[in-house]
């Protein structure tokens, strides 16, 4: 939660990407009444892992 409030990069890694989406939605809902106005990607494919070097805050889910 602190990382989200400080607008840091958050990467969630888990085998089941269905669980990743639920966890991500739960984290963002805990910010209420604030909103997450940055990048929110529930599943990032292996080909796009270079996107993790982006210079802006994000929440991204990656499968193991």
PDB file of N, CA and C in Angstrom:
ATOM      1  N   UNK A   1       0.833  -1.189   0.000  1.00  0.00           N
ATOM      2  CA  UNK A   1       0.000   0.000   0.000  1.00  0.00           C
ATOM      3  C   UNK A   1       0.877   1.252   0.000  1.00  0.00           C
ATOM      4  N   UNK A   2       1.956   1.211   0.755  1.00  0.00           N
ATOM      5  CA  UNK A   2       2.852   2.366   0.811  1.00  0.00           C
ATOM      6  C   UNK A   2       3.445   2.660  -0.559  1.00  0.00           C
ATOM      7  N   UNK A   3       3.823   1.621  -1.279  1.00  0.00           N
ATOM      8  CA  UNK A   3       4.385   1.811  -2.620  1.00  0.00           C
ATOM      9  C   UNK A   3       3.365   2.461  -3.552  1.00  0.00           C
ATOM     10  N   UNK A   4       2.117   2.093  -3.422  1.00  0.00           N
ATOM     11  CA  UNK A   4       1.086   2.704  -4.261  1.00  0.00           C
ATOM     12  C   UNK A   4       0.860   4.161  -3.881  1.00  0.00           C
ATOM     13  N   UNK A   5       0.849   4.450  -2.590  1.00  0.00           N
ATOM     14  CA  UNK A   5       0.646   5.829  -2.152  1.00  0.00           C
ATOM     15  C   UNK A   5       1.812   6.732  -2.543  1.00  0.00           C
ATOM     16  N   UNK A   6       3.012   6.155  -2.597  1.00  0.00           N
ATOM     17  CA  UNK A   6       4.187   6.924  -2.996  1.00  0.00           C
ATOM     18  C   UNK A   6       4.409   6.905  -4.507  1.00  0.00           C
ATOM     19  N   UNK A   7       3.469   6.329  -5.229  1.00  0.00           N
ATOM     20  CA  UNK A   7       3.501   6.253  -6.689  1.00  0.00           C
ATOM     21  C   UNK A   7       4.780   5.581  -7.186  1.00  0.00           C
ATOM     22  N   UNK A   8       5.038   4.396  -6.678  1.00  0.00           N
ATOM     23  CA  UNK A   8       6.196   3.601  -7.079  1.00  0.00           C
ATOM     24  C   UNK A   8       5.774   2.558  -8.103  1.00  0.00           C
ATOM     25  N   UNK A   9       6.745   1.869  -8.655  1.00  0.00           N
ATOM     26  CA  UNK A   9       6.485   0.764  -9.570  1.00  0.00           C
ATOM     27  C   UNK A   9       6.173  -0.487  -8.751  1.00  0.00           C
ATOM     28  N   UNK A  10       5.108  -1.190  -9.118  1.00  0.00           N
ATOM     29  CA  UNK A  10       4.703  -2.399  -8.418  1.00  0.00           C
ATOM     30  C   UNK A  10       4.565  -3.516  -9.444  1.00  0.00           C
ATOM     31  N   UNK A  11       5.266  -4.619  -9.201  1.00  0.00           N
ATOM     32  CA  UNK A  11       5.188  -5.786 -10.081  1.00  0.00           C
ATOM     33  C   UNK A  11       4.713  -6.968  -9.243  1.00  0.00           C
ATOM     34  N   UNK A  12       3.623  -7.587  -9.657  1.00  0.00           N
ATOM     35  CA  UNK A  12       3.106  -8.770  -8.977  1.00  0.00           C
ATOM     36  C   UNK A  12       3.434  -9.996  -9.824  1.00  0.00           C
ATOM     37  N   UNK A  13       4.077 -10.977  -9.213  1.00  0.00           N
ATOM     38  CA  UNK A  13       4.479 -12.195  -9.921  1.00  0.00           C
ATOM     39  C   UNK A  13       3.777 -13.376  -9.273  1.00  0.00           C
ATOM     40  N   UNK A  14       3.070 -14.153 -10.088  1.00  0.00           N
ATOM     41  CA  UNK A  14       2.345 -15.320  -9.589  1.00  0.00           C
ATOM     42  C   UNK A  14       2.111 -16.273 -10.744  1.00  0.00           C
ATOM     43  N   UNK A  15       1.961 -17.550 -10.438  1.00  0.00           N
ATOM     44  CA  UNK A  15       1.716 -18.541 -11.496  1.00  0.00           C
ATOM     45  C   UNK A  15       0.369 -18.320 -12.180  1.00  0.00           C
ATOM     46  N   UNK A  16      -0.671 -18.193 -11.386  1.00  0.00           N
ATOM     47  CA  UNK A  16      -2.029 -18.060 -11.915  1.00  0.00           C
ATOM     48  C   UNK A  16      -2.348 -16.590 -12.150  1.00  0.00           C
ATOM     49  N   UNK A  17      -2.421 -16.167 -13.407  1.00  0.00           N
ATOM     50  CA  UNK A  17      -2.641 -14.756 -13.679  1.00  0.00           C
ATOM     51  C   UNK A  17      -4.062 -14.312 -13.351  1.00  0.00           C
ATOM     52  N   UNK A  18      -4.988 -15.228 -13.144  1.00  0.00           N
ATOM     53  CA  UNK A  18      -6.328 -14.857 -12.687  1.00  0.00           C
ATOM     54  C   UNK A  18      -6.283 -14.301 -11.271  1.00  0.00           C
ATOM     55  N   UNK A  19      -5.419 -14.868 -10.446  1.00  0.00           N
ATOM     56  CA  UNK A  19      -5.242 -14.364  -9.084  1.00  0.00           C
ATOM     57  C   UNK A  19      -4.563 -13.003  -9.085  1.00  0.00           C
ATOM     58  N   UNK A  20      -3.664 -12.791 -10.032  1.00  0.00           N
ATOM     59  CA  UNK A  20      -2.963 -11.510 -10.114  1.00  0.00           C
ATOM     60  C   UNK A  20      -3.970 -10.371 -10.314  1.00  0.00           C
ATOM     61  N   UNK A  21      -4.921 -10.571 -11.191  1.00  0.00           N
ATOM     62  CA  UNK A  21      -5.915  -9.530 -11.465  1.00  0.00           C
ATOM     63  C   UNK A  21      -6.734  -9.209 -10.207  1.00  0.00           C
ATOM     64  N   UNK A  22      -7.114 -10.228  -9.459  1.00  0.00           N
ATOM     65  CA  UNK A  22      -7.887 -10.002  -8.232  1.00  0.00           C
ATOM     66  C   UNK A  22      -7.074  -9.249  -7.188  1.00  0.00           C
ATOM     67  N   UNK A  23      -5.813  -9.616  -7.041  1.00  0.00           N
ATOM     68  CA  UNK A  23      -4.940  -8.945  -6.071  1.00  0.00           C
ATOM     69  C   UNK A  23      -4.733  -7.490  -6.466  1.00  0.00           C
ATOM     70  N   UNK A  24      -4.511  -7.251  -7.752  1.00  0.00           N
ATOM     71  CA  UNK A  24      -4.295  -5.887  -8.217  1.00  0.00           C
ATOM     72  C   UNK A  24      -5.528  -5.014  -7.988  1.00  0.00           C
ATOM     73  N   UNK A  25      -6.689  -5.534  -8.300  1.00  0.00           N
ATOM     74  CA  UNK A  25      -7.925  -4.781  -8.074  1.00  0.00           C
ATOM     75  C   UNK A  25      -8.129  -4.498  -6.585  1.00  0.00           C
ATOM     76  N   UNK A  26      -7.776  -5.464  -5.742  1.00  0.00           N
ATOM     77  CA  UNK A  26      -7.916  -5.270  -4.300  1.00  0.00           C
ATOM     78  C   UNK A  26      -6.984  -4.175  -3.803  1.00  0.00           C
ATOM     79  N   UNK A  27      -5.743  -4.169  -4.288  1.00  0.00           N
ATOM     80  CA  UNK A  27      -4.792  -3.140  -3.878  1.00  0.00           C
ATOM     81  C   UNK A  27      -5.267  -1.744  -4.276  1.00  0.00           C
ATOM     82  N   UNK A  28      -5.768  -1.622  -5.488  1.00  0.00           N
ATOM     83  CA  UNK A  28      -6.244  -0.318  -5.952  1.00  0.00           C
ATOM     84  C   UNK A  28      -7.485   0.116  -5.172  1.00  0.00           C
ATOM     85  N   UNK A  29      -8.342  -0.827  -4.813  1.00  0.00           N
ATOM     86  CA  UNK A  29      -9.538  -0.461  -4.052  1.00  0.00           C
ATOM     87  C   UNK A  29      -9.192  -0.014  -2.630  1.00  0.00           C
ATOM     88  N   UNK A  30      -8.054  -0.467  -2.101  1.00  0.00           N
ATOM     89  CA  UNK A  30      -7.633  -0.032  -0.770  1.00  0.00           C
ATOM     90  C   UNK A  30      -7.195   1.433  -0.759  1.00  0.00           C
ATOM     91  N   UNK A  31      -6.968   2.003  -1.904  1.00  0.00           N
ATOM     92  CA  UNK A  31      -6.576   3.409  -1.993  1.00  0.00           C
ATOM     93  C   UNK A  31      -7.759   4.363  -1.842  1.00  0.00           C
ATOM     94  N   UNK A  32      -8.956   3.839  -1.790  1.00  0.00           N
ATOM     95  CA  UNK A  32     -10.163   4.647  -1.690  1.00  0.00           C
ATOM     96  C   UNK A  32     -10.047   5.625  -0.520  1.00  0.00           C
ATOM     97  N   UNK A  33     -10.290   6.880  -0.667  1.00  0.00           N
ATOM     98  CA  UNK A  33     -10.931   7.653  -1.715  1.00  0.00           C
ATOM     99  C   UNK A  33      -9.982   8.136  -2.812  1.00  0.00           C
ATOM    100  N   UNK A  34      -8.715   7.796  -2.742  1.00  0.00           N
ATOM    101  CA  UNK A  34      -7.783   8.182  -3.800  1.00  0.00           C
ATOM    102  C   UNK A  34      -7.952   7.268  -5.004  1.00  0.00           C
ATOM    103  N   UNK A  35      -7.400   7.675  -6.145  1.00  0.00           N
ATOM    104  CA  UNK A  35      -7.493   6.872  -7.363  1.00  0.00           C
ATOM    105  C   UNK A  35      -6.106   6.611  -7.912  1.00  0.00           C
ATOM    106  N   UNK A  36      -5.946   5.485  -8.574  1.00  0.00           N
ATOM    107  CA  UNK A  36      -4.708   5.161  -9.268  1.00  0.00           C
ATOM    108  C   UNK A  36      -4.854   5.666 -10.703  1.00  0.00           C
ATOM    109  N   UNK A  37      -4.084   6.683 -11.075  1.00  0.00           N
ATOM    110  CA  UNK A  37      -4.205   7.297 -12.396  1.00  0.00           C
ATOM    111  C   UNK A  37      -3.043   6.956 -13.308  1.00  0.00           C
ATOM    112  N   UNK A  38      -2.349   5.886 -13.005  1.00  0.00           N
ATOM    113  CA  UNK A  38      -1.189   5.507 -13.792  1.00  0.00           C
ATOM    114  C   UNK A  38      -1.455   4.179 -14.496  1.00  0.00           C
ATOM    115  N   UNK A  39      -0.441   3.607 -15.087  1.00  0.00           N
ATOM    116  CA  UNK A  39      -0.572   2.378 -15.872  1.00  0.00           C
ATOM    117  C   UNK A  39      -0.989   1.213 -14.964  1.00  0.00           C
ATOM    118  N   UNK A  40      -1.940   0.435 -15.453  1.00  0.00           N
ATOM    119  CA  UNK A  40      -2.481  -0.714 -14.725  1.00  0.00           C
ATOM    120  C   UNK A  40      -2.637  -1.847 -15.738  1.00  0.00           C
ATOM    121  N   UNK A  41      -1.695  -2.800 -15.741  1.00  0.00           N
ATOM    122  CA  UNK A  41      -1.726  -3.909 -16.691  1.00  0.00           C
ATOM    123  C   UNK A  41      -1.843  -5.204 -15.896  1.00  0.00           C
ATOM    124  N   UNK A  42      -2.931  -5.937 -16.098  1.00  0.00           N
ATOM    125  CA  UNK A  42      -3.154  -7.141 -15.306  1.00  0.00           C
ATOM    126  C   UNK A  42      -2.275  -8.314 -15.731  1.00  0.00           C
ATOM    127  N   UNK A  43      -1.883  -8.372 -17.000  1.00  0.00           N
ATOM    128  CA  UNK A  43      -1.039  -9.480 -17.445  1.00  0.00           C
ATOM    129  C   UNK A  43      -0.097  -8.994 -18.538  1.00  0.00           C
ATOM    130  N   UNK A  44       1.183  -9.063 -18.278  1.00  0.00           N
ATOM    131  CA  UNK A  44       2.194  -8.650 -19.242  1.00  0.00           C
ATOM    132  C   UNK A  44       2.851  -9.901 -19.803  1.00  0.00           C
ATOM    133  N   UNK A  45       2.865 -10.044 -21.113  1.00  0.00           N
ATOM    134  CA  UNK A  45       3.460 -11.220 -21.742  1.00  0.00           C
ATOM    135  C   UNK A  45       4.984 -11.147 -21.689  1.00  0.00           C
ATOM    136  N   UNK A  46       5.616 -12.269 -21.901  1.00  0.00           N
ATOM    137  CA  UNK A  46       7.070 -12.350 -21.861  1.00  0.00           C
ATOM    138  C   UNK A  46       7.759 -11.481 -22.892  1.00  0.00           C
ATOM    139  N   UNK A  47       7.111 -11.273 -24.032  1.00  0.00           N
ATOM    140  CA  UNK A  47       7.700 -10.458 -25.098  1.00  0.00           C
ATOM    141  C   UNK A  47       7.767  -8.979 -24.732  1.00  0.00           C
ATOM    142  N   UNK A  48       6.946  -8.561 -23.785  1.00  0.00           N
ATOM    143  CA  UNK A  48       6.873  -7.139 -23.434  1.00  0.00           C
ATOM    144  C   UNK A  48       7.550  -6.816 -22.100  1.00  0.00           C
ATOM    145  N   UNK A  49       8.405  -7.696 -21.621  1.00  0.00           N
ATOM    146  CA  UNK A  49       9.046  -7.473 -20.331  1.00  0.00           C
ATOM    147  C   UNK A  49       9.947  -6.240 -20.320  1.00  0.00           C
ATOM    148  N   UNK A  50      10.351  -5.749 -21.476  1.00  0.00           N
ATOM    149  CA  UNK A  50      11.144  -4.521 -21.530  1.00  0.00           C
ATOM    150  C   UNK A  50      10.346  -3.317 -21.035  1.00  0.00           C
ATOM    151  N   UNK A  51       9.034  -3.425 -21.025  1.00  0.00           N
ATOM    152  CA  UNK A  51       8.189  -2.330 -20.547  1.00  0.00           C
ATOM    153  C   UNK A  51       8.381  -2.077 -19.049  1.00  0.00           C
ATOM    154  N   UNK A  52       8.957  -3.041 -18.342  1.00  0.00           N
ATOM    155  CA  UNK A  52       9.164  -2.883 -16.907  1.00  0.00           C
ATOM    156  C   UNK A  52      10.217  -1.818 -16.590  1.00  0.00           C
ATOM    157  N   UNK A  53      10.955  -1.387 -17.586  1.00  0.00           N
ATOM    158  CA  UNK A  53      11.958  -0.340 -17.392  1.00  0.00           C
ATOM    159  C   UNK A  53      11.394   1.057 -17.634  1.00  0.00           C
ATOM    160  N   UNK A  54      10.098   1.175 -17.751  1.00  0.00           N
ATOM    161  CA  UNK A  54       9.451   2.467 -18.004  1.00  0.00           C
ATOM    162  C   UNK A  54       9.724   3.433 -16.845  1.00  0.00           C
ATOM    163  N   UNK A  55       9.840   4.716 -17.122  1.00  0.00           N
ATOM    164  CA  UNK A  55      10.194   5.693 -16.089  1.00  0.00           C
ATOM    165  C   UNK A  55       9.015   6.234 -15.275  1.00  0.00           C
ATOM    166  N   UNK A  56       7.847   5.646 -15.390  1.00  0.00           N
ATOM    167  CA  UNK A  56       6.677   6.156 -14.686  1.00  0.00           C
ATOM    168  C   UNK A  56       6.094   5.066 -13.782  1.00  0.00           C
ATOM    169  N   UNK A  57       5.245   5.445 -12.814  1.00  0.00           N
ATOM    170  CA  UNK A  57       4.665   4.465 -11.893  1.00  0.00           C
ATOM    171  C   UNK A  57       3.689   3.536 -12.613  1.00  0.00           C
ATOM    172  N   UNK A  58       3.651   2.299 -12.156  1.00  0.00           N
ATOM    173  CA  UNK A  58       2.721   1.327 -12.734  1.00  0.00           C
ATOM    174  C   UNK A  58       2.459   0.199 -11.766  1.00  0.00           C
ATOM    175  N   UNK A  59       1.394  -0.541 -12.056  1.00  0.00           N
ATOM    176  CA  UNK A  59       1.104  -1.815 -11.399  1.00  0.00           C
ATOM    177  C   UNK A  59       0.990  -2.803 -12.548  1.00  0.00           C
ATOM    178  N   UNK A  60       1.854  -3.799 -12.558  1.00  0.00           N
ATOM    179  CA  UNK A  60       1.867  -4.775 -13.643  1.00  0.00           C
ATOM    180  C   UNK A  60       1.916  -6.175 -13.064  1.00  0.00           C
ATOM    181  N   UNK A  61       1.116  -7.052 -13.633  1.00  0.00           N
ATOM    182  CA  UNK A  61       1.112  -8.449 -13.244  1.00  0.00           C
ATOM    183  C   UNK A  61       1.880  -9.270 -14.263  1.00  0.00           C
ATOM    184  N   UNK A  62       2.746 -10.160 -13.761  1.00  0.00           N
ATOM    185  CA  UNK A  62       3.565 -11.008 -14.623  1.00  0.00           C
ATOM    186  C   UNK A  62       3.411 -12.442 -14.150  1.00  0.00           C
ATOM    187  N   UNK A  63       3.202 -13.364 -15.074  1.00  0.00           N
ATOM    188  CA  UNK A  63       3.112 -14.775 -14.727  1.00  0.00           C
ATOM    189  C   UNK A  63       4.516 -15.361 -14.610  1.00  0.00           C
ATOM    190  N   UNK A  64       4.665 -16.326 -13.715  1.00  0.00           N
ATOM    191  CA  UNK A  64       5.970 -16.947 -13.487  1.00  0.00           C
ATOM    192  C   UNK A  64       6.461 -17.697 -14.681  1.00  0.00           C
TER     193      UNK A  64
END
